[in-house]
Amino acid sequence: MFTATVPITGTGLPDFSAPAGAGVAELLDTAPGAGLDLPCRANNPDLWFADAPAELERAKTLCATCPVKAECLSAALARREPWGVWGGEIFERGVVIPRKRPRGRPRKEDRVAETGVSTARNQEAAA
């Protein structure tokens, strides 16, 4: 069986190409203090996209004194960065989150602490 393929035009898909001048490199090159060793340029870039929560917290700490922190954060929010540390904040799925949870299922104690709900067994153990 043969099928003919026809190129699809006008698919209505969004344009994912970045607008001119929206890249981080351009932002850093034009920002005040562009000649300085910015934390994201002076350290391992993988730190800003790490899986380990401790490494992401370290990246946030390094961002604290960055001269382009505010510009970096506003640009990342505008681009809805999918993940990483931008402007001293952790992004996940395009939104800022307060902290990243480690991989795997959370321990029972952590889930109770986050939800504020305690089971009868936990109440008995505490008594």
PDB file of N, CA and C in Angstrom:
ATOM      1  N   MET A   1       0.845  -1.171   0.000  1.00  0.00           N
ATOM      2  CA  MET A   1       0.000   0.000   0.000  1.00  0.00           C
ATOM      3  C   MET A   1       0.890   1.234   0.000  1.00  0.00           C
ATOM      4  N   PHE A   2       0.564   2.163  -0.872  1.00  0.00           N
ATOM      5  CA  PHE A   2       1.326   3.390  -0.988  1.00  0.00           C
ATOM      6  C   PHE A   2       0.504   4.558  -0.471  1.00  0.00           C
ATOM      7  N   THR A   3       1.188   5.475   0.191  1.00  0.00           N
ATOM      8  CA  THR A   3       0.518   6.697   0.637  1.00  0.00           C
ATOM      9  C   THR A   3       1.315   7.883   0.144  1.00  0.00           C
ATOM     10  N   ALA A   4       0.627   8.916  -0.169  1.00  0.00           N
ATOM     11  CA  ALA A   4       1.284  10.135  -0.625  1.00  0.00           C
ATOM     12  C   ALA A   4       1.454  11.072   0.562  1.00  0.00           C
ATOM     13  N   THR A   5       2.580  11.724   0.607  1.00  0.00           N
ATOM     14  CA  THR A   5       2.801  12.707   1.668  1.00  0.00           C
ATOM     15  C   THR A   5       2.776  14.094   1.065  1.00  0.00           C
ATOM     16  N   VAL A   6       2.109  14.956   1.737  1.00  0.00           N
ATOM     17  CA  VAL A   6       1.997  16.334   1.287  1.00  0.00           C
ATOM     18  C   VAL A   6       2.493  17.219   2.415  1.00  0.00           C
ATOM     19  N   PRO A   7       3.403  18.149   2.110  1.00  0.00           N
ATOM     20  CA  PRO A   7       3.869  19.032   3.176  1.00  0.00           C
ATOM     21  C   PRO A   7       2.715  19.854   3.740  1.00  0.00           C
ATOM     22  N   ILE A   8       2.701  19.970   5.039  1.00  0.00           N
ATOM     23  CA  ILE A   8       1.653  20.731   5.710  1.00  0.00           C
ATOM     24  C   ILE A   8       2.137  22.160   5.872  1.00  0.00           C
ATOM     25  N   THR A   9       1.311  23.087   5.458  1.00  0.00           N
ATOM     26  CA  THR A   9       1.649  24.500   5.637  1.00  0.00           C
ATOM     27  C   THR A   9       0.598  25.137   6.525  1.00  0.00           C
ATOM     28  N   GLY A  10       1.016  26.120   7.266  1.00  0.00           N
ATOM     29  CA  GLY A  10       0.077  26.821   8.140  1.00  0.00           C
ATOM     30  C   GLY A  10      -0.523  25.908   9.195  1.00  0.00           C
ATOM     31  N   THR A  11       0.336  25.209   9.930  1.00  0.00           N
ATOM     32  CA  THR A  11      -0.144  24.238  10.909  1.00  0.00           C
ATOM     33  C   THR A  11      -0.738  24.888  12.148  1.00  0.00           C
ATOM     34  N   GLY A  12      -0.483  26.152  12.339  1.00  0.00           N
ATOM     35  CA  GLY A  12      -0.997  26.809  13.530  1.00  0.00           C
ATOM     36  C   GLY A  12      -0.170  26.531  14.775  1.00  0.00           C
ATOM     37  N   LEU A  13       0.970  25.863  14.611  1.00  0.00           N
ATOM     38  CA  LEU A  13       1.842  25.597  15.752  1.00  0.00           C
ATOM     39  C   LEU A  13       2.538  26.878  16.172  1.00  0.00           C
ATOM     40  N   PRO A  14       2.804  27.041  17.447  1.00  0.00           N
ATOM     41  CA  PRO A  14       3.495  28.251  17.900  1.00  0.00           C
ATOM     42  C   PRO A  14       4.925  28.288  17.386  1.00  0.00           C
ATOM     43  N   ASP A  15       5.427  29.503  17.229  1.00  0.00           N
ATOM     44  CA  ASP A  15       6.801  29.697  16.782  1.00  0.00           C
ATOM     45  C   ASP A  15       7.709  29.610  18.006  1.00  0.00           C
ATOM     46  N   PHE A  16       8.548  28.562  18.056  1.00  0.00           N
ATOM     47  CA  PHE A  16       9.411  28.353  19.214  1.00  0.00           C
ATOM     48  C   PHE A  16      10.774  29.017  19.068  1.00  0.00           C
ATOM     49  N   SER A  17      11.018  29.688  17.977  1.00  0.00           N
ATOM     50  CA  SER A  17      12.308  30.350  17.825  1.00  0.00           C
ATOM     51  C   SER A  17      12.356  31.560  18.758  1.00  0.00           C
ATOM     52  N   ALA A  18      13.528  31.787  19.315  1.00  0.00           N
ATOM     53  CA  ALA A  18      13.692  32.885  20.272  1.00  0.00           C
ATOM     54  C   ALA A  18      13.700  34.215  19.536  1.00  0.00           C
ATOM     55  N   PRO A  19      13.054  35.233  20.083  1.00  0.00           N
ATOM     56  CA  PRO A  19      13.114  36.544  19.465  1.00  0.00           C
ATOM     57  C   PRO A  19      14.530  37.098  19.519  1.00  0.00           C
ATOM     58  N   ALA A  20      14.828  38.003  18.618  1.00  0.00           N
ATOM     59  CA  ALA A  20      16.170  38.575  18.536  1.00  0.00           C
ATOM     60  C   ALA A  20      16.548  39.225  19.859  1.00  0.00           C
ATOM     61  N   GLY A  21      17.748  38.928  20.324  1.00  0.00           N
ATOM     62  CA  GLY A  21      18.251  39.541  21.541  1.00  0.00           C
ATOM     63  C   GLY A  21      17.712  38.945  22.824  1.00  0.00           C
ATOM     64  N   ALA A  22      16.999  37.824  22.743  1.00  0.00           N
ATOM     65  CA  ALA A  22      16.395  37.246  23.944  1.00  0.00           C
ATOM     66  C   ALA A  22      17.296  36.232  24.624  1.00  0.00           C
ATOM     67  N   GLY A  23      18.440  35.927  24.011  1.00  0.00           N
ATOM     68  CA  GLY A  23      19.317  34.919  24.585  1.00  0.00           C
ATOM     69  C   GLY A  23      20.030  35.400  25.832  1.00  0.00           C
ATOM     70  N   VAL A  24      20.393  34.456  26.673  1.00  0.00           N
ATOM     71  CA  VAL A  24      21.086  34.784  27.918  1.00  0.00           C
ATOM     72  C   VAL A  24      22.438  35.418  27.620  1.00  0.00           C
ATOM     73  N   ALA A  25      23.133  34.926  26.601  1.00  0.00           N
ATOM     74  CA  ALA A  25      24.446  35.484  26.271  1.00  0.00           C
ATOM     75  C   ALA A  25      24.331  36.962  25.911  1.00  0.00           C
ATOM     76  N   GLU A  26      23.313  37.315  25.129  1.00  0.00           N
ATOM     77  CA  GLU A  26      23.123  38.720  24.765  1.00  0.00           C
ATOM     78  C   GLU A  26      22.779  39.552  25.993  1.00  0.00           C
ATOM     79  N   LEU A  27      21.970  38.990  26.874  1.00  0.00           N
ATOM     80  CA  LEU A  27      21.617  39.686  28.110  1.00  0.00           C
ATOM     81  C   LEU A  27      22.864  39.961  28.937  1.00  0.00           C
ATOM     82  N   LEU A  28      23.706  38.953  29.078  1.00  0.00           N
ATOM     83  CA  LEU A  28      24.909  39.110  29.888  1.00  0.00           C
ATOM     84  C   LEU A  28      25.915  40.050  29.236  1.00  0.00           C
ATOM     85  N   ASP A  29      25.989  40.052  27.899  1.00  0.00           N
ATOM     86  CA  ASP A  29      26.942  40.915  27.207  1.00  0.00           C
ATOM     87  C   ASP A  29      26.552  42.386  27.289  1.00  0.00           C
ATOM     88  N   THR A  30      25.269  42.679  27.380  1.00  0.00           N
ATOM     89  CA  THR A  30      24.819  44.068  27.403  1.00  0.00           C
ATOM     90  C   THR A  30      24.515  44.579  28.805  1.00  0.00           C
ATOM     91  N   ALA A  31      24.574  43.725  29.785  1.00  0.00           N
ATOM     92  CA  ALA A  31      24.225  44.112  31.155  1.00  0.00           C
ATOM     93  C   ALA A  31      25.341  44.916  31.799  1.00  0.00           C
ATOM     94  N   PRO A  32      24.990  45.753  32.786  1.00  0.00           N
ATOM     95  CA  PRO A  32      26.031  46.448  33.529  1.00  0.00           C
ATOM     96  C   PRO A  32      26.942  45.437  34.213  1.00  0.00           C
ATOM     97  N   GLY A  33      28.216  45.665  34.149  1.00  0.00           N
ATOM     98  CA  GLY A  33      29.162  44.739  34.748  1.00  0.00           C
ATOM     99  C   GLY A  33      29.395  43.514  33.888  1.00  0.00           C
ATOM    100  N   ALA A  34      29.166  43.633  32.570  1.00  0.00           N
ATOM    101  CA  ALA A  34      29.301  42.478  31.678  1.00  0.00           C
ATOM    102  C   ALA A  34      30.731  41.953  31.659  1.00  0.00           C
ATOM    103  N   GLY A  35      31.701  42.786  31.972  1.00  0.00           N
ATOM    104  CA  GLY A  35      33.082  42.341  31.983  1.00  0.00           C
ATOM    105  C   GLY A  35      33.456  41.566  33.237  1.00  0.00           C
ATOM    106  N   LEU A  36      32.583  41.553  34.220  1.00  0.00           N
ATOM    107  CA  LEU A  36      32.862  40.855  35.472  1.00  0.00           C
ATOM    108  C   LEU A  36      32.702  39.357  35.303  1.00  0.00           C
ATOM    109  N   ASP A  37      33.296  38.622  36.227  1.00  0.00           N
ATOM    110  CA  ASP A  37      33.087  37.178  36.249  1.00  0.00           C
ATOM    111  C   ASP A  37      31.756  36.905  36.938  1.00  0.00           C
ATOM    112  N   LEU A  38      30.727  36.720  36.143  1.00  0.00           N
ATOM    113  CA  LEU A  38      29.410  36.418  36.693  1.00  0.00           C
ATOM    114  C   LEU A  38      29.395  34.978  37.169  1.00  0.00           C
ATOM    115  N   PRO A  39      28.639  34.670  38.217  1.00  0.00           N
ATOM    116  CA  PRO A  39      28.654  33.311  38.780  1.00  0.00           C
ATOM    117  C   PRO A  39      28.342  32.232  37.753  1.00  0.00           C
ATOM    118  N   CYS A  40      27.397  32.487  36.867  1.00  0.00           N
ATOM    119  CA  CYS A  40      27.018  31.469  35.883  1.00  0.00           C
ATOM    120  C   CYS A  40      28.081  31.283  34.814  1.00  0.00           C
ATOM    121  N   ARG A  41      28.989  32.246  34.680  1.00  0.00           N
ATOM    122  CA  ARG A  41      30.089  32.104  33.724  1.00  0.00           C
ATOM    123  C   ARG A  41      31.356  31.591  34.396  1.00  0.00           C
ATOM    124  N   ALA A  42      31.529  31.909  35.677  1.00  0.00           N
ATOM    125  CA  ALA A  42      32.756  31.536  36.380  1.00  0.00           C
ATOM    126  C   ALA A  42      32.701  30.123  36.956  1.00  0.00           C
ATOM    127  N   ASN A  43      31.513  29.550  37.085  1.00  0.00           N
ATOM    128  CA  ASN A  43      31.349  28.214  37.662  1.00  0.00           C
ATOM    129  C   ASN A  43      30.835  27.244  36.609  1.00  0.00           C
ATOM    130  N   ASN A  44      30.776  25.985  36.989  1.00  0.00           N
ATOM    131  CA  ASN A  44      30.288  24.940  36.098  1.00  0.00           C
ATOM    132  C   ASN A  44      28.816  25.193  35.761  1.00  0.00           C
ATOM    133  N   PRO A  45      28.471  25.321  34.477  1.00  0.00           N
ATOM    134  CA  PRO A  45      27.078  25.584  34.104  1.00  0.00           C
ATOM    135  C   PRO A  45      26.110  24.486  34.530  1.00  0.00           C
ATOM    136  N   ASP A  46      26.606  23.258  34.687  1.00  0.00           N
ATOM    137  CA  ASP A  46      25.736  22.153  35.104  1.00  0.00           C
ATOM    138  C   ASP A  46      25.153  22.382  36.494  1.00  0.00           C
ATOM    139  N   LEU A  47      25.807  23.222  37.286  1.00  0.00           N
ATOM    140  CA  LEU A  47      25.320  23.510  38.634  1.00  0.00           C
ATOM    141  C   LEU A  47      23.932  24.151  38.589  1.00  0.00           C
ATOM    142  N   TRP A  48      23.664  24.960  37.574  1.00  0.00           N
ATOM    143  CA  TRP A  48      22.391  25.668  37.456  1.00  0.00           C
ATOM    144  C   TRP A  48      21.274  24.775  36.915  1.00  0.00           C
ATOM    145  N   PHE A  49      21.623  23.575  36.474  1.00  0.00           N
ATOM    146  CA  PHE A  49      20.633  22.638  35.932  1.00  0.00           C
ATOM    147  C   PHE A  49      20.765  21.266  36.581  1.00  0.00           C
ATOM    148  N   ALA A  50      21.236  21.231  37.808  1.00  0.00           N
ATOM    149  CA  ALA A  50      21.502  19.973  38.513  1.00  0.00           C
ATOM    150  C   ALA A  50      20.206  19.293  38.949  1.00  0.00           C
ATOM    151  N   ASP A  51      20.305  17.995  39.198  1.00  0.00           N
ATOM    152  CA  ASP A  51      19.173  17.234  39.735  1.00  0.00           C
ATOM    153  C   ASP A  51      19.126  17.301  41.257  1.00  0.00           C
ATOM    154  N   ALA A  52      20.284  17.429  41.874  1.00  0.00           N
ATOM    155  CA  ALA A  52      20.362  17.418  43.335  1.00  0.00           C
ATOM    156  C   ALA A  52      19.906  18.762  43.912  1.00  0.00           C
ATOM    157  N   PRO A  53      18.964  18.753  44.838  1.00  0.00           N
ATOM    158  CA  PRO A  53      18.498  19.997  45.446  1.00  0.00           C
ATOM    159  C   PRO A  53      19.612  20.813  46.101  1.00  0.00           C
ATOM    160  N   ALA A  54      20.597  20.146  46.699  1.00  0.00           N
ATOM    161  CA  ALA A  54      21.700  20.869  47.353  1.00  0.00           C
ATOM    162  C   ALA A  54      22.508  21.678  46.337  1.00  0.00           C
ATOM    163  N   GLU A  55      22.708  21.127  45.151  1.00  0.00           N
ATOM    164  CA  GLU A  55      23.449  21.850  44.115  1.00  0.00           C
ATOM    165  C   GLU A  55      22.650  23.046  43.603  1.00  0.00           C
ATOM    166  N   LEU A  56      21.341  22.896  43.476  1.00  0.00           N
ATOM    167  CA  LEU A  56      20.510  24.022  43.055  1.00  0.00           C
ATOM    168  C   LEU A  56      20.517  25.127  44.104  1.00  0.00           C
ATOM    169  N   GLU A  57      20.517  24.748  45.371  1.00  0.00           N
ATOM    170  CA  GLU A  57      20.596  25.747  46.440  1.00  0.00           C
ATOM    171  C   GLU A  57      21.935  26.476  46.394  1.00  0.00           C
ATOM    172  N   ARG A  58      22.994  25.765  46.052  1.00  0.00           N
ATOM    173  CA  ARG A  58      24.312  26.407  45.912  1.00  0.00           C
ATOM    174  C   ARG A  58      24.289  27.410  44.760  1.00  0.00           C
ATOM    175  N   ALA A  59      23.657  27.039  43.649  1.00  0.00           N
ATOM    176  CA  ALA A  59      23.544  27.956  42.513  1.00  0.00           C
ATOM    177  C   ALA A  59      22.746  29.200  42.906  1.00  0.00           C
ATOM    178  N   LYS A  60      21.667  29.018  43.665  1.00  0.00           N
ATOM    179  CA  LYS A  60      20.885  30.160  44.134  1.00  0.00           C
ATOM    180  C   LYS A  60      21.740  31.080  45.000  1.00  0.00           C
ATOM    181  N   THR A  61      22.573  30.492  45.852  1.00  0.00           N
ATOM    182  CA  THR A  61      23.450  31.274  46.716  1.00  0.00           C
ATOM    183  C   THR A  61      24.453  32.069  45.888  1.00  0.00           C
ATOM    184  N   LEU A  62      25.005  31.442  44.853  1.00  0.00           N
ATOM    185  CA  LEU A  62      25.956  32.137  43.991  1.00  0.00           C
ATOM    186  C   LEU A  62      25.287  33.286  43.238  1.00  0.00           C
ATOM    187  N   CYS A  63      24.015  33.135  42.911  1.00  0.00           N
ATOM    188  CA  CYS A  63      23.279  34.185  42.192  1.00  0.00           C
ATOM    189  C   CYS A  63      22.982  35.403  43.071  1.00  0.00           C
ATOM    190  N   ALA A  64      23.048  35.241  44.372  1.00  0.00           N
ATOM    191  CA  ALA A  64      22.607  36.290  45.297  1.00  0.00           C
ATOM    192  C   ALA A  64      23.296  37.629  45.061  1.00  0.00           C
ATOM    193  N   THR A  65      24.567  37.616  44.699  1.00  0.00           N
ATOM    194  CA  THR A  65      25.304  38.868  44.528  1.00  0.00           C
ATOM    195  C   THR A  65      25.515  39.237  43.063  1.00  0.00           C
ATOM    196  N   CYS A  66      24.869  38.551  42.155  1.00  0.00           N
ATOM    197  CA  CYS A  66      25.059  38.792  40.722  1.00  0.00           C
ATOM    198  C   CYS A  66      24.465  40.146  40.320  1.00  0.00           C
ATOM    199  N   PRO A  67      25.197  40.950  39.542  1.00  0.00           N
ATOM    200  CA  PRO A  67      24.686  42.268  39.146  1.00  0.00           C
ATOM    201  C   PRO A  67      23.535  42.205  38.142  1.00  0.00           C
ATOM    202  N   VAL A  68      23.323  41.079  37.483  1.00  0.00           N
ATOM    203  CA  VAL A  68      22.241  40.967  36.501  1.00  0.00           C
ATOM    204  C   VAL A  68      21.126  40.037  36.991  1.00  0.00           C
ATOM    205  N   LYS A  69      21.052  39.845  38.298  1.00  0.00           N
ATOM    206  CA  LYS A  69      20.071  38.912  38.869  1.00  0.00           C
ATOM    207  C   LYS A  69      18.637  39.280  38.485  1.00  0.00           C
ATOM    208  N   ALA A  70      18.254  40.533  38.643  1.00  0.00           N
ATOM    209  CA  ALA A  70      16.879  40.955  38.352  1.00  0.00           C
ATOM    210  C   ALA A  70      16.557  40.804  36.870  1.00  0.00           C
ATOM    211  N   GLU A  71      17.486  41.204  36.009  1.00  0.00           N
ATOM    212  CA  GLU A  71      17.263  41.083  34.568  1.00  0.00           C
ATOM    213  C   GLU A  71      17.169  39.624  34.144  1.00  0.00           C
ATOM    214  N   CYS A  72      18.008  38.791  34.731  1.00  0.00           N
ATOM    215  CA  CYS A  72      18.004  37.364  34.424  1.00  0.00           C
ATOM    216  C   CYS A  72      16.668  36.739  34.817  1.00  0.00           C
ATOM    217  N   LEU A  73      16.177  37.082  36.002  1.00  0.00           N
ATOM    218  CA  LEU A  73      14.910  36.532  36.479  1.00  0.00           C
ATOM    219  C   LEU A  73      13.746  36.984  35.604  1.00  0.00           C
ATOM    220  N   SER A  74      13.697  38.266  35.276  1.00  0.00           N
ATOM    221  CA  SER A  74      12.574  38.754  34.466  1.00  0.00           C
ATOM    222  C   SER A  74      12.593  38.151  33.067  1.00  0.00           C
ATOM    223  N   ALA A  75      13.783  37.975  32.492  1.00  0.00           N
ATOM    224  CA  ALA A  75      13.874  37.354  31.166  1.00  0.00           C
ATOM    225  C   ALA A  75      13.461  35.886  31.221  1.00  0.00           C
ATOM    226  N   ALA A  76      13.844  35.183  32.281  1.00  0.00           N
ATOM    227  CA  ALA A  76      13.472  33.770  32.422  1.00  0.00           C
ATOM    228  C   ALA A  76      11.967  33.620  32.597  1.00  0.00           C
ATOM    229  N   LEU A  77      11.353  34.526  33.342  1.00  0.00           N
ATOM    230  CA  LEU A  77       9.900  34.494  33.500  1.00  0.00           C
ATOM    231  C   LEU A  77       9.204  34.758  32.172  1.00  0.00           C
ATOM    232  N   ALA A  78       9.733  35.707  31.398  1.00  0.00           N
ATOM    233  CA  ALA A  78       9.140  36.018  30.097  1.00  0.00           C
ATOM    234  C   ALA A  78       9.258  34.837  29.135  1.00  0.00           C
ATOM    235  N   ARG A  79      10.388  34.119  29.206  1.00  0.00           N
ATOM    236  CA  ARG A  79      10.600  32.962  28.322  1.00  0.00           C
ATOM    237  C   ARG A  79       9.967  31.691  28.861  1.00  0.00           C
ATOM    238  N   ARG A  80       9.480  31.729  30.112  1.00  0.00           N
ATOM    239  CA  ARG A  80       8.950  30.542  30.800  1.00  0.00           C
ATOM    240  C   ARG A  80       9.959  29.402  30.724  1.00  0.00           C
ATOM    241  N   GLU A  81      11.152  29.670  31.249  1.00  0.00           N
ATOM    242  CA  GLU A  81      12.218  28.667  31.251  1.00  0.00           C
ATOM    243  C   GLU A  81      11.704  27.366  31.852  1.00  0.00           C
ATOM    244  N   PRO A  82      11.951  26.247  31.202  1.00  0.00           N
ATOM    245  CA  PRO A  82      11.399  24.987  31.694  1.00  0.00           C
ATOM    246  C   PRO A  82      12.037  24.472  32.980  1.00  0.00           C
ATOM    247  N   TRP A  83      13.316  24.773  33.204  1.00  0.00           N
ATOM    248  CA  TRP A  83      13.957  24.274  34.417  1.00  0.00           C
ATOM    249  C   TRP A  83      15.289  24.970  34.619  1.00  0.00           C
ATOM    250  N   GLY A  84      15.828  24.819  35.834  1.00  0.00           N
ATOM    251  CA  GLY A  84      17.124  25.402  36.162  1.00  0.00           C
ATOM    252  C   GLY A  84      16.997  26.562  37.135  1.00  0.00           C
ATOM    253  N   VAL A  85      18.145  27.125  37.475  1.00  0.00           N
ATOM    254  CA  VAL A  85      18.195  28.299  38.351  1.00  0.00           C
ATOM    255  C   VAL A  85      18.428  29.520  37.477  1.00  0.00           C
ATOM    256  N   TRP A  86      17.531  30.474  37.582  1.00  0.00           N
ATOM    257  CA  TRP A  86      17.602  31.713  36.803  1.00  0.00           C
ATOM    258  C   TRP A  86      17.316  32.872  37.749  1.00  0.00           C
ATOM    259  N   GLY A  87      18.200  33.840  37.795  1.00  0.00           N
ATOM    260  CA  GLY A  87      17.978  34.999  38.647  1.00  0.00           C
ATOM    261  C   GLY A  87      17.837  34.650  40.113  1.00  0.00           C
ATOM    262  N   GLY A  88      18.501  33.587  40.538  1.00  0.00           N
ATOM    263  CA  GLY A  88      18.458  33.189  41.937  1.00  0.00           C
ATOM    264  C   GLY A  88      17.208  32.429  42.339  1.00  0.00           C
ATOM    265  N   GLU A  89      16.407  31.990  41.376  1.00  0.00           N
ATOM    266  CA  GLU A  89      15.186  31.233  41.662  1.00  0.00           C
ATOM    267  C   GLU A  89      15.216  29.908  40.912  1.00  0.00           C
ATOM    268  N   ILE A  90      14.576  28.895  41.486  1.00  0.00           N
ATOM    269  CA  ILE A  90      14.503  27.580  40.845  1.00  0.00           C
ATOM    270  C   ILE A  90      13.249  27.532  39.979  1.00  0.00           C
ATOM    271  N   PHE A  91      13.440  27.173  38.715  1.00  0.00           N
ATOM    272  CA  PHE A  91      12.324  27.034  37.782  1.00  0.00           C
ATOM    273  C   PHE A  91      12.056  25.562  37.525  1.00  0.00           C
ATOM    274  N   GLU A  92      10.782  25.218  37.473  1.00  0.00           N
ATOM    275  CA  GLU A  92      10.364  23.880  37.078  1.00  0.00           C
ATOM    276  C   GLU A  92       9.082  24.030  36.274  1.00  0.00           C
ATOM    277  N   ARG A  93       9.109  23.537  35.054  1.00  0.00           N
ATOM    278  CA  ARG A  93       7.959  23.624  34.135  1.00  0.00           C
ATOM    279  C   ARG A  93       7.508  25.067  33.928  1.00  0.00           C
ATOM    280  N   GLY A  94       8.454  25.989  33.873  1.00  0.00           N
ATOM    281  CA  GLY A  94       8.142  27.374  33.558  1.00  0.00           C
ATOM    282  C   GLY A  94       7.685  28.246  34.702  1.00  0.00           C
ATOM    283  N   VAL A  95       7.647  27.712  35.919  1.00  0.00           N
ATOM    284  CA  VAL A  95       7.239  28.516  37.071  1.00  0.00           C
ATOM    285  C   VAL A  95       8.293  28.420  38.170  1.00  0.00           C
ATOM    286  N   VAL A  96       8.325  29.428  39.017  1.00  0.00           N
ATOM    287  CA  VAL A  96       9.269  29.459  40.135  1.00  0.00           C
ATOM    288  C   VAL A  96       8.730  28.566  41.253  1.00  0.00           C
ATOM    289  N   ILE A  97       9.619  27.734  41.795  1.00  0.00           N
ATOM    290  CA  ILE A  97       9.255  26.889  42.933  1.00  0.00           C
ATOM    291  C   ILE A  97      10.181  27.229  44.096  1.00  0.00           C
ATOM    292  N   PRO A  98       9.716  27.091  45.346  1.00  0.00           N
ATOM    293  CA  PRO A  98      10.549  27.487  46.488  1.00  0.00           C
ATOM    294  C   PRO A  98      11.755  26.584  46.703  1.00  0.00           C
ATOM    295  N   ARG A  99      11.593  25.292  46.468  1.00  0.00           N
ATOM    296  CA  ARG A  99      12.706  24.354  46.619  1.00  0.00           C
ATOM    297  C   ARG A  99      12.408  23.130  45.780  1.00  0.00           C
ATOM    298  N   LYS A 100      13.451  22.390  45.476  1.00  0.00           N
ATOM    299  CA  LYS A 100      13.272  21.166  44.704  1.00  0.00           C
ATOM    300  C   LYS A 100      13.338  19.976  45.644  1.00  0.00           C
ATOM    301  N   ARG A 101      12.391  19.074  45.473  1.00  0.00           N
ATOM    302  CA  ARG A 101      12.352  17.859  46.267  1.00  0.00           C
ATOM    303  C   ARG A 101      13.318  16.852  45.658  1.00  0.00           C
ATOM    304  N   PRO A 102      14.006  16.051  46.484  1.00  0.00           N
ATOM    305  CA  PRO A 102      14.908  15.032  45.942  1.00  0.00           C
ATOM    306  C   PRO A 102      14.133  13.992  45.137  1.00  0.00           C
ATOM    307  N   ARG A 103      14.856  13.253  44.317  1.00  0.00           N
ATOM    308  CA  ARG A 103      14.233  12.212  43.509  1.00  0.00           C
ATOM    309  C   ARG A 103      13.681  11.105  44.393  1.00  0.00           C
ATOM    310  N   GLY A 104      12.690  10.407  43.869  1.00  0.00           N
ATOM    311  CA  GLY A 104      12.117   9.275  44.588  1.00  0.00           C
ATOM    312  C   GLY A 104      10.917   9.663  45.420  1.00  0.00           C
ATOM    313  N   ARG A 105      10.360   8.668  46.041  1.00  0.00           N
ATOM    314  CA  ARG A 105       9.188   8.868  46.882  1.00  0.00           C
ATOM    315  C   ARG A 105       9.603   9.533  48.191  1.00  0.00           C
ATOM    316  N   PRO A 106       8.844  10.548  48.630  1.00  0.00           N
ATOM    317  CA  PRO A 106       9.212  11.198  49.887  1.00  0.00           C
ATOM    318  C   PRO A 106       9.006  10.265  51.073  1.00  0.00           C
ATOM    319  N   ARG A 107       9.851  10.449  52.093  1.00  0.00           N
ATOM    320  CA  ARG A 107       9.683   9.659  53.310  1.00  0.00           C
ATOM    321  C   ARG A 107       8.362  10.017  53.962  1.00  0.00           C
ATOM    322  N   LYS A 108       7.818   9.074  54.706  1.00  0.00           N
ATOM    323  CA  LYS A 108       6.515   9.275  55.330  1.00  0.00           C
ATOM    324  C   LYS A 108       6.529  10.495  56.255  1.00  0.00           C
ATOM    325  N   GLU A 109       7.606  10.682  57.000  1.00  0.00           N
ATOM    326  CA  GLU A 109       7.694  11.818  57.917  1.00  0.00           C
ATOM    327  C   GLU A 109       7.635  13.136  57.153  1.00  0.00           C
ATOM    328  N   ASP A 110       8.296  13.180  55.980  1.00  0.00           N
ATOM    329  CA  ASP A 110       8.289  14.400  55.179  1.00  0.00           C
ATOM    330  C   ASP A 110       6.891  14.705  54.656  1.00  0.00           C
ATOM    331  N   ARG A 111       6.171  13.668  54.234  1.00  0.00           N
ATOM    332  CA  ARG A 111       4.818  13.879  53.716  1.00  0.00           C
ATOM    333  C   ARG A 111       3.903  14.390  54.809  1.00  0.00           C
ATOM    334  N   VAL A 112       4.037  13.862  56.012  1.00  0.00           N
ATOM    335  CA  VAL A 112       3.215  14.320  57.136  1.00  0.00           C
ATOM    336  C   VAL A 112       3.542  15.769  57.447  1.00  0.00           C
ATOM    337  N   ALA A 113       4.819  16.118  57.435  1.00  0.00           N
ATOM    338  CA  ALA A 113       5.230  17.490  57.739  1.00  0.00           C
ATOM    339  C   ALA A 113       4.706  18.463  56.687  1.00  0.00           C
ATOM    340  N   GLU A 114       4.710  18.061  55.409  1.00  0.00           N
ATOM    341  CA  GLU A 114       4.253  18.948  54.343  1.00  0.00           C
ATOM    342  C   GLU A 114       2.743  19.132  54.364  1.00  0.00           C
ATOM    343  N   THR A 115       2.005  18.077  54.651  1.00  0.00           N
ATOM    344  CA  THR A 115       0.546  18.162  54.601  1.00  0.00           C
ATOM    345  C   THR A 115      -0.062  18.582  55.924  1.00  0.00           C
ATOM    346  N   GLY A 116       0.674  18.375  57.019  1.00  0.00           N
ATOM    347  CA  GLY A 116       0.143  18.696  58.334  1.00  0.00           C
ATOM    348  C   GLY A 116      -0.850  17.661  58.826  1.00  0.00           C
ATOM    349  N   VAL A 117      -0.949  16.545  58.121  1.00  0.00           N
ATOM    350  CA  VAL A 117      -1.878  15.476  58.491  1.00  0.00           C
ATOM    351  C   VAL A 117      -1.092  14.390  59.190  1.00  0.00           C
ATOM    352  N   SER A 118      -1.620  13.906  60.267  1.00  0.00           N
ATOM    353  CA  SER A 118      -0.957  12.854  61.017  1.00  0.00           C
ATOM    354  C   SER A 118      -1.890  11.660  61.134  1.00  0.00           C
ATOM    355  N   THR A 119      -1.334  10.485  61.026  1.00  0.00           N
ATOM    356  CA  THR A 119      -2.145   9.276  61.159  1.00  0.00           C
ATOM    357  C   THR A 119      -2.269   8.903  62.625  1.00  0.00           C
ATOM    358  N   ALA A 120      -3.193   8.017  62.921  1.00  0.00           N
ATOM    359  CA  ALA A 120      -3.385   7.561  64.302  1.00  0.00           C
ATOM    360  C   ALA A 120      -2.128   6.889  64.820  1.00  0.00           C
ATOM    361  N   ARG A 121      -1.433   6.165  63.948  1.00  0.00           N
ATOM    362  CA  ARG A 121      -0.202   5.482  64.356  1.00  0.00           C
ATOM    363  C   ARG A 121       0.854   6.503  64.772  1.00  0.00           C
ATOM    364  N   ASN A 122       0.988   7.590  64.011  1.00  0.00           N
ATOM    365  CA  ASN A 122       1.966   8.622  64.366  1.00  0.00           C
ATOM    366  C   ASN A 122       1.596   9.292  65.682  1.00  0.00           C
ATOM    367  N   GLN A 123       0.303   9.475  65.922  1.00  0.00           N
ATOM    368  CA  GLN A 123      -0.130  10.096  67.173  1.00  0.00           C
ATOM    369  C   GLN A 123       0.150   9.176  68.354  1.00  0.00           C
ATOM    370  N   GLU A 124      -0.070   7.860  68.163  1.00  0.00           N
ATOM    371  CA  GLU A 124       0.204   6.908  69.234  1.00  0.00           C
ATOM    372  C   GLU A 124       1.694   6.823  69.520  1.00  0.00           C
ATOM    373  N   ALA A 125       2.509   6.865  68.472  1.00  0.00           N
ATOM    374  CA  ALA A 125       3.956   6.776  68.651  1.00  0.00           C
ATOM    375  C   ALA A 125       4.486   7.998  69.388  1.00  0.00           C
ATOM    376  N   ALA A 126       3.860   9.135  69.169  1.00  0.00           N
ATOM    377  CA  ALA A 126       4.302  10.362  69.822  1.00  0.00           C
ATOM    378  C   ALA A 126       3.905  10.385  71.295  1.00  0.00           C
ATOM    379  N   ALA A 127       2.870   9.634  71.665  1.00  0.00           N
ATOM    380  CA  ALA A 127       2.373   9.660  73.051  1.00  0.00           C
ATOM    381  C   ALA A 127       3.195   8.817  73.982  1.00  0.00           C
TER     382      ALA A 127
END
